[in-house]
Amino acid sequence: LGGTLRQVGVLAAAGLVALDEVLPGLGDDAARTARLAEGLAALGFAVEPPATNLLYFSLTPGHEFTAEALVARCAAEGVRFLVVPGADPNRMRMVTHHQVNDDGVERALAVISGACADGV
């Protein structure tokens, strides 16, 4: 903020946008996260129950590819998520937000399903 608050209006505007436009859609984000969890579980992933718009899931022994390979394949098709840094190289994370709609969720599941079917 630089010691003065001349730009307080700019900061306040961002807060107003969040309250007016983003906050009302949080329930939709949660529903989309639940749909992703359901779809990934159906594909054989170990899915942690989502508490927010963050979804954590892992490869299971039935998957014959790495999480890194899956993330790279899906990214090449425009579906972006990541391998969670840490001890478990099979754990991944997806995030829903106000720019992800129902069609995006279904497309993500279709891309992941295709990658799994192809063995990545």
N, C-alpha and C. Protein backbone atom coordinates (compact mmCIF):
# COMPACT_ATOMS: atom_id res chain seq x y z
N LEU A 1 0.81 -1.18 0.00
CA LEU A 1 0.00 0.00 0.00
C LEU A 1 0.86 1.25 0.00
N GLY A 2 2.12 1.12 0.27
CA GLY A 2 3.04 2.24 0.12
C GLY A 2 2.93 3.32 1.17
N GLY A 3 2.29 3.08 2.27
CA GLY A 3 2.23 4.07 3.33
C GLY A 3 1.08 5.06 3.18
N THR A 4 0.49 5.15 2.01
CA THR A 4 -0.68 6.02 1.84
C THR A 4 -1.82 5.17 1.31
N LEU A 5 -2.98 5.68 1.40
CA LEU A 5 -4.13 4.93 0.95
C LEU A 5 -4.85 5.63 -0.20
N ARG A 6 -4.09 6.26 -1.08
CA ARG A 6 -4.71 6.92 -2.23
C ARG A 6 -5.42 5.91 -3.11
N GLN A 7 -4.93 4.67 -3.14
CA GLN A 7 -5.49 3.64 -4.00
C GLN A 7 -6.55 2.80 -3.31
N VAL A 8 -7.05 3.26 -2.19
CA VAL A 8 -8.00 2.46 -1.43
C VAL A 8 -9.26 2.14 -2.25
N GLY A 9 -9.63 3.02 -3.15
CA GLY A 9 -10.80 2.77 -3.99
C GLY A 9 -10.59 1.58 -4.90
N VAL A 10 -9.38 1.43 -5.41
CA VAL A 10 -9.07 0.28 -6.28
C VAL A 10 -9.16 -1.01 -5.47
N LEU A 11 -8.62 -0.99 -4.27
CA LEU A 11 -8.68 -2.18 -3.42
C LEU A 11 -10.12 -2.48 -3.01
N ALA A 12 -10.87 -1.45 -2.69
CA ALA A 12 -12.26 -1.64 -2.29
C ALA A 12 -13.08 -2.19 -3.46
N ALA A 13 -12.79 -1.75 -4.66
CA ALA A 13 -13.52 -2.24 -5.83
C ALA A 13 -13.36 -3.74 -5.99
N ALA A 14 -12.15 -4.24 -5.77
CA ALA A 14 -11.92 -5.69 -5.87
C ALA A 14 -12.75 -6.43 -4.83
N GLY A 15 -12.83 -5.89 -3.63
CA GLY A 15 -13.64 -6.50 -2.59
C GLY A 15 -15.12 -6.50 -2.93
N LEU A 16 -15.60 -5.40 -3.51
CA LEU A 16 -17.00 -5.32 -3.90
C LEU A 16 -17.34 -6.32 -5.01
N VAL A 17 -16.44 -6.49 -5.96
CA VAL A 17 -16.66 -7.47 -7.02
C VAL A 17 -16.74 -8.88 -6.41
N ALA A 18 -15.84 -9.16 -5.49
CA ALA A 18 -15.85 -10.48 -4.85
C ALA A 18 -17.17 -10.71 -4.11
N LEU A 19 -17.62 -9.72 -3.38
CA LEU A 19 -18.87 -9.87 -2.63
C LEU A 19 -20.10 -9.95 -3.53
N ASP A 20 -20.10 -9.16 -4.59
CA ASP A 20 -21.28 -9.08 -5.46
C ASP A 20 -21.35 -10.19 -6.49
N GLU A 21 -20.20 -10.64 -7.00
CA GLU A 21 -20.21 -11.57 -8.12
C GLU A 21 -19.69 -12.96 -7.78
N VAL A 22 -18.70 -13.05 -6.92
CA VAL A 22 -18.09 -14.34 -6.64
C VAL A 22 -18.80 -15.06 -5.49
N LEU A 23 -19.07 -14.36 -4.42
CA LEU A 23 -19.69 -14.98 -3.24
C LEU A 23 -21.00 -15.71 -3.55
N PRO A 24 -21.91 -15.13 -4.33
CA PRO A 24 -23.16 -15.85 -4.61
C PRO A 24 -22.97 -17.17 -5.36
N GLY A 25 -21.86 -17.34 -6.04
CA GLY A 25 -21.63 -18.56 -6.80
C GLY A 25 -20.87 -19.65 -6.07
N LEU A 26 -20.55 -19.44 -4.79
CA LEU A 26 -19.78 -20.45 -4.06
C LEU A 26 -20.53 -21.77 -3.95
N GLY A 27 -21.83 -21.73 -3.82
CA GLY A 27 -22.62 -22.97 -3.78
C GLY A 27 -22.50 -23.75 -5.08
N ASP A 28 -22.47 -23.03 -6.20
CA ASP A 28 -22.29 -23.68 -7.50
C ASP A 28 -20.91 -24.33 -7.59
N ASP A 29 -19.89 -23.64 -7.06
CA ASP A 29 -18.54 -24.21 -7.06
C ASP A 29 -18.51 -25.51 -6.26
N ALA A 30 -19.18 -25.51 -5.11
CA ALA A 30 -19.21 -26.72 -4.28
C ALA A 30 -19.91 -27.86 -5.00
N ALA A 31 -21.00 -27.56 -5.69
CA ALA A 31 -21.72 -28.59 -6.44
C ALA A 31 -20.86 -29.14 -7.57
N ARG A 32 -20.13 -28.28 -8.23
CA ARG A 32 -19.24 -28.74 -9.32
C ARG A 32 -18.09 -29.57 -8.77
N THR A 33 -17.58 -29.20 -7.62
CA THR A 33 -16.53 -29.99 -7.00
C THR A 33 -17.06 -31.38 -6.64
N ALA A 34 -18.28 -31.43 -6.13
CA ALA A 34 -18.90 -32.73 -5.80
C ALA A 34 -19.08 -33.57 -7.06
N ARG A 35 -19.47 -32.96 -8.16
CA ARG A 35 -19.63 -33.68 -9.43
C ARG A 35 -18.29 -34.23 -9.91
N LEU A 36 -17.23 -33.42 -9.82
CA LEU A 36 -15.90 -33.91 -10.17
C LEU A 36 -15.51 -35.09 -9.30
N ALA A 37 -15.77 -34.99 -8.00
CA ALA A 37 -15.42 -36.08 -7.08
C ALA A 37 -16.15 -37.36 -7.47
N GLU A 38 -17.42 -37.23 -7.77
CA GLU A 38 -18.22 -38.39 -8.19
C GLU A 38 -17.68 -39.01 -9.47
N GLY A 39 -17.38 -38.18 -10.44
CA GLY A 39 -16.87 -38.67 -11.72
C GLY A 39 -15.50 -39.31 -11.61
N LEU A 40 -14.63 -38.72 -10.80
CA LEU A 40 -13.29 -39.29 -10.63
C LEU A 40 -13.35 -40.61 -9.87
N ALA A 41 -14.23 -40.70 -8.88
CA ALA A 41 -14.40 -41.96 -8.15
C ALA A 41 -14.88 -43.05 -9.11
N ALA A 42 -15.77 -42.69 -10.03
CA ALA A 42 -16.27 -43.66 -11.00
C ALA A 42 -15.17 -44.14 -11.94
N LEU A 43 -14.14 -43.32 -12.11
CA LEU A 43 -13.00 -43.70 -12.96
C LEU A 43 -11.93 -44.48 -12.17
N GLY A 44 -12.20 -44.75 -10.91
CA GLY A 44 -11.29 -45.58 -10.11
C GLY A 44 -10.27 -44.81 -9.31
N PHE A 45 -10.39 -43.50 -9.22
CA PHE A 45 -9.45 -42.73 -8.41
C PHE A 45 -9.88 -42.77 -6.95
N ALA A 46 -8.91 -42.65 -6.07
CA ALA A 46 -9.20 -42.51 -4.64
C ALA A 46 -9.45 -41.02 -4.41
N VAL A 47 -10.67 -40.68 -4.05
CA VAL A 47 -11.07 -39.28 -3.93
C VAL A 47 -11.31 -38.93 -2.47
N GLU A 48 -10.68 -37.84 -2.03
CA GLU A 48 -10.92 -37.34 -0.68
C GLU A 48 -12.20 -36.52 -0.70
N PRO A 49 -13.09 -36.71 0.27
CA PRO A 49 -14.34 -35.94 0.28
C PRO A 49 -14.05 -34.43 0.30
N PRO A 50 -14.58 -33.69 -0.66
CA PRO A 50 -14.28 -32.26 -0.70
C PRO A 50 -15.04 -31.49 0.37
N ALA A 51 -14.34 -30.56 1.02
CA ALA A 51 -14.96 -29.68 2.01
C ALA A 51 -15.14 -28.28 1.45
N THR A 52 -14.39 -27.97 0.40
CA THR A 52 -14.45 -26.65 -0.24
C THR A 52 -14.45 -26.87 -1.74
N ASN A 53 -13.93 -25.91 -2.46
CA ASN A 53 -13.81 -26.05 -3.91
C ASN A 53 -12.50 -26.72 -4.32
N LEU A 54 -11.73 -27.19 -3.36
CA LEU A 54 -10.49 -27.92 -3.63
C LEU A 54 -10.79 -29.41 -3.60
N LEU A 55 -10.35 -30.11 -4.62
CA LEU A 55 -10.59 -31.55 -4.71
C LEU A 55 -9.26 -32.27 -4.81
N TYR A 56 -9.00 -33.16 -3.86
CA TYR A 56 -7.78 -33.96 -3.85
C TYR A 56 -8.15 -35.39 -4.22
N PHE A 57 -7.34 -35.97 -5.10
CA PHE A 57 -7.58 -37.35 -5.52
C PHE A 57 -6.25 -37.99 -5.87
N SER A 58 -6.24 -39.31 -5.87
CA SER A 58 -4.99 -40.05 -6.09
C SER A 58 -5.20 -41.21 -7.03
N LEU A 59 -4.11 -41.60 -7.67
CA LEU A 59 -4.11 -42.82 -8.48
C LEU A 59 -4.25 -44.02 -7.56
N THR A 60 -4.81 -45.07 -8.08
CA THR A 60 -4.91 -46.32 -7.34
C THR A 60 -4.08 -47.38 -8.08
N PRO A 61 -3.84 -48.53 -7.47
CA PRO A 61 -3.02 -49.54 -8.13
C PRO A 61 -3.53 -49.96 -9.52
N GLY A 62 -4.79 -49.77 -9.82
CA GLY A 62 -5.32 -50.14 -11.13
C GLY A 62 -4.89 -49.21 -12.26
N HIS A 63 -4.36 -48.06 -11.91
CA HIS A 63 -3.89 -47.12 -12.93
C HIS A 63 -2.45 -47.45 -13.29
N GLU A 64 -2.21 -47.64 -14.57
CA GLU A 64 -0.88 -48.06 -15.04
C GLU A 64 -0.07 -46.88 -15.59
N PHE A 65 -0.23 -45.71 -15.00
CA PHE A 65 0.49 -44.51 -15.44
C PHE A 65 0.75 -43.65 -14.22
N THR A 66 1.57 -42.63 -14.38
CA THR A 66 1.91 -41.75 -13.27
C THR A 66 0.98 -40.54 -13.25
N ALA A 67 0.91 -39.93 -12.10
CA ALA A 67 0.13 -38.70 -11.97
C ALA A 67 0.71 -37.61 -12.86
N GLU A 68 2.02 -37.53 -12.93
CA GLU A 68 2.68 -36.53 -13.80
C GLU A 68 2.26 -36.73 -15.26
N ALA A 69 2.21 -37.97 -15.71
CA ALA A 69 1.82 -38.24 -17.09
C ALA A 69 0.36 -37.85 -17.33
N LEU A 70 -0.51 -38.13 -16.37
CA LEU A 70 -1.91 -37.76 -16.51
C LEU A 70 -2.08 -36.25 -16.57
N VAL A 71 -1.40 -35.54 -15.69
CA VAL A 71 -1.48 -34.08 -15.66
C VAL A 71 -0.99 -33.50 -16.98
N ALA A 72 0.11 -34.02 -17.50
CA ALA A 72 0.66 -33.52 -18.76
C ALA A 72 -0.29 -33.79 -19.92
N ARG A 73 -0.84 -34.98 -19.97
CA ARG A 73 -1.77 -35.33 -21.06
C ARG A 73 -3.00 -34.45 -21.03
N CYS A 74 -3.57 -34.26 -19.86
CA CYS A 74 -4.77 -33.43 -19.74
C CYS A 74 -4.47 -31.97 -20.03
N ALA A 75 -3.31 -31.49 -19.61
CA ALA A 75 -2.93 -30.10 -19.89
C ALA A 75 -2.83 -29.87 -21.39
N ALA A 76 -2.34 -30.86 -22.12
CA ALA A 76 -2.24 -30.74 -23.57
C ALA A 76 -3.61 -30.61 -24.22
N GLU A 77 -4.65 -31.05 -23.50
CA GLU A 77 -6.01 -30.94 -24.01
C GLU A 77 -6.80 -29.82 -23.32
N GLY A 78 -6.08 -28.96 -22.60
CA GLY A 78 -6.71 -27.79 -22.00
C GLY A 78 -7.34 -27.99 -20.64
N VAL A 79 -7.11 -29.13 -20.02
CA VAL A 79 -7.64 -29.38 -18.67
C VAL A 79 -6.45 -29.34 -17.72
N ARG A 80 -6.45 -28.33 -16.86
CA ARG A 80 -5.28 -28.11 -16.00
C ARG A 80 -5.58 -28.43 -14.54
N PHE A 81 -4.70 -29.22 -13.96
CA PHE A 81 -4.68 -29.50 -12.53
C PHE A 81 -3.26 -29.88 -12.21
N LEU A 82 -2.95 -30.22 -10.97
CA LEU A 82 -1.55 -30.44 -10.63
C LEU A 82 -1.35 -31.64 -9.72
N VAL A 83 -0.10 -32.09 -9.72
CA VAL A 83 0.34 -33.09 -8.75
C VAL A 83 0.71 -32.29 -7.51
N VAL A 84 0.18 -32.70 -6.37
CA VAL A 84 0.46 -31.98 -5.13
C VAL A 84 1.90 -32.26 -4.71
N PRO A 85 2.70 -31.21 -4.52
CA PRO A 85 4.08 -31.44 -4.08
C PRO A 85 4.10 -32.09 -2.70
N GLY A 86 4.98 -33.02 -2.53
CA GLY A 86 5.08 -33.67 -1.22
C GLY A 86 5.48 -35.12 -1.36
N ALA A 87 5.16 -35.88 -0.34
CA ALA A 87 5.63 -37.26 -0.25
C ALA A 87 4.91 -38.21 -1.20
N ASP A 88 3.64 -37.94 -1.52
CA ASP A 88 2.87 -38.87 -2.35
C ASP A 88 2.84 -38.39 -3.80
N PRO A 89 3.58 -39.04 -4.68
CA PRO A 89 3.61 -38.60 -6.08
C PRO A 89 2.34 -38.92 -6.87
N ASN A 90 1.39 -39.62 -6.23
CA ASN A 90 0.14 -39.98 -6.90
C ASN A 90 -1.02 -39.04 -6.56
N ARG A 91 -0.79 -38.10 -5.65
CA ARG A 91 -1.86 -37.21 -5.18
C ARG A 91 -1.95 -35.96 -6.07
N MET A 92 -3.18 -35.67 -6.50
CA MET A 92 -3.41 -34.53 -7.39
C MET A 92 -4.48 -33.62 -6.80
N ARG A 93 -4.56 -32.40 -7.36
CA ARG A 93 -5.54 -31.43 -6.89
C ARG A 93 -6.20 -30.72 -8.06
N MET A 94 -7.51 -30.58 -7.98
CA MET A 94 -8.28 -29.77 -8.92
C MET A 94 -8.99 -28.69 -8.12
N VAL A 95 -9.28 -27.56 -8.76
CA VAL A 95 -9.96 -26.45 -8.11
C VAL A 95 -11.08 -25.97 -9.02
N THR A 96 -12.26 -25.79 -8.45
CA THR A 96 -13.34 -25.15 -9.19
C THR A 96 -13.42 -23.69 -8.72
N HIS A 97 -13.88 -22.83 -9.60
CA HIS A 97 -14.02 -21.41 -9.29
C HIS A 97 -15.07 -20.81 -10.21
N HIS A 98 -15.27 -19.51 -10.11
CA HIS A 98 -16.35 -18.86 -10.84
C HIS A 98 -16.21 -18.91 -12.36
N GLN A 99 -15.05 -19.27 -12.85
CA GLN A 99 -14.86 -19.37 -14.30
C GLN A 99 -15.01 -20.80 -14.82
N VAL A 100 -15.33 -21.73 -13.93
CA VAL A 100 -15.56 -23.12 -14.32
C VAL A 100 -17.06 -23.37 -14.28
N ASN A 101 -17.64 -23.74 -15.42
CA ASN A 101 -19.08 -24.01 -15.47
C ASN A 101 -19.34 -25.51 -15.55
N ASP A 102 -20.62 -25.90 -15.62
CA ASP A 102 -20.97 -27.32 -15.67
C ASP A 102 -20.37 -28.02 -16.89
N ASP A 103 -20.37 -27.33 -18.03
CA ASP A 103 -19.78 -27.92 -19.24
C ASP A 103 -18.28 -28.16 -19.05
N GLY A 104 -17.62 -27.26 -18.35
CA GLY A 104 -16.19 -27.43 -18.08
C GLY A 104 -15.91 -28.64 -17.22
N VAL A 105 -16.77 -28.88 -16.24
CA VAL A 105 -16.62 -30.06 -15.38
C VAL A 105 -16.78 -31.33 -16.20
N GLU A 106 -17.81 -31.36 -17.03
CA GLU A 106 -18.05 -32.56 -17.85
C GLU A 106 -16.92 -32.77 -18.86
N ARG A 107 -16.40 -31.67 -19.42
CA ARG A 107 -15.29 -31.79 -20.35
C ARG A 107 -14.05 -32.32 -19.64
N ALA A 108 -13.77 -31.82 -18.44
CA ALA A 108 -12.62 -32.30 -17.67
C ALA A 108 -12.73 -33.79 -17.42
N LEU A 109 -13.92 -34.24 -17.02
CA LEU A 109 -14.11 -35.68 -16.79
C LEU A 109 -13.95 -36.49 -18.07
N ALA A 110 -14.42 -35.95 -19.19
CA ALA A 110 -14.28 -36.67 -20.47
C ALA A 110 -12.81 -36.77 -20.87
N VAL A 111 -12.05 -35.71 -20.68
CA VAL A 111 -10.62 -35.73 -21.02
C VAL A 111 -9.88 -36.71 -20.13
N ILE A 112 -10.16 -36.68 -18.83
CA ILE A 112 -9.50 -37.60 -17.91
C ILE A 112 -9.89 -39.04 -18.23
N SER A 113 -11.16 -39.26 -18.51
CA SER A 113 -11.62 -40.59 -18.87
C SER A 113 -10.90 -41.10 -20.13
N GLY A 114 -10.78 -40.24 -21.12
CA GLY A 114 -10.08 -40.62 -22.36
C GLY A 114 -8.62 -40.94 -22.10
N ALA A 115 -7.98 -40.14 -21.25
CA ALA A 115 -6.58 -40.39 -20.93
C ALA A 115 -6.42 -41.72 -20.22
N CYS A 116 -7.33 -42.01 -19.30
CA CYS A 116 -7.29 -43.29 -18.59
C CYS A 116 -7.50 -44.47 -19.55
N ALA A 117 -8.46 -44.31 -20.44
CA ALA A 117 -8.76 -45.37 -21.41
C ALA A 117 -7.57 -45.64 -22.32
N ASP A 118 -6.83 -44.59 -22.66
CA ASP A 118 -5.66 -44.71 -23.53
C ASP A 118 -4.41 -45.15 -22.76
N GLY A 119 -4.52 -45.25 -21.44
CA GLY A 119 -3.33 -45.56 -20.63
C GLY A 119 -2.38 -44.40 -20.61
N VAL A 120 -2.92 -43.21 -20.80
CA VAL A 120 -2.19 -41.94 -20.89
C VAL A 120 -1.11 -42.10 -21.88
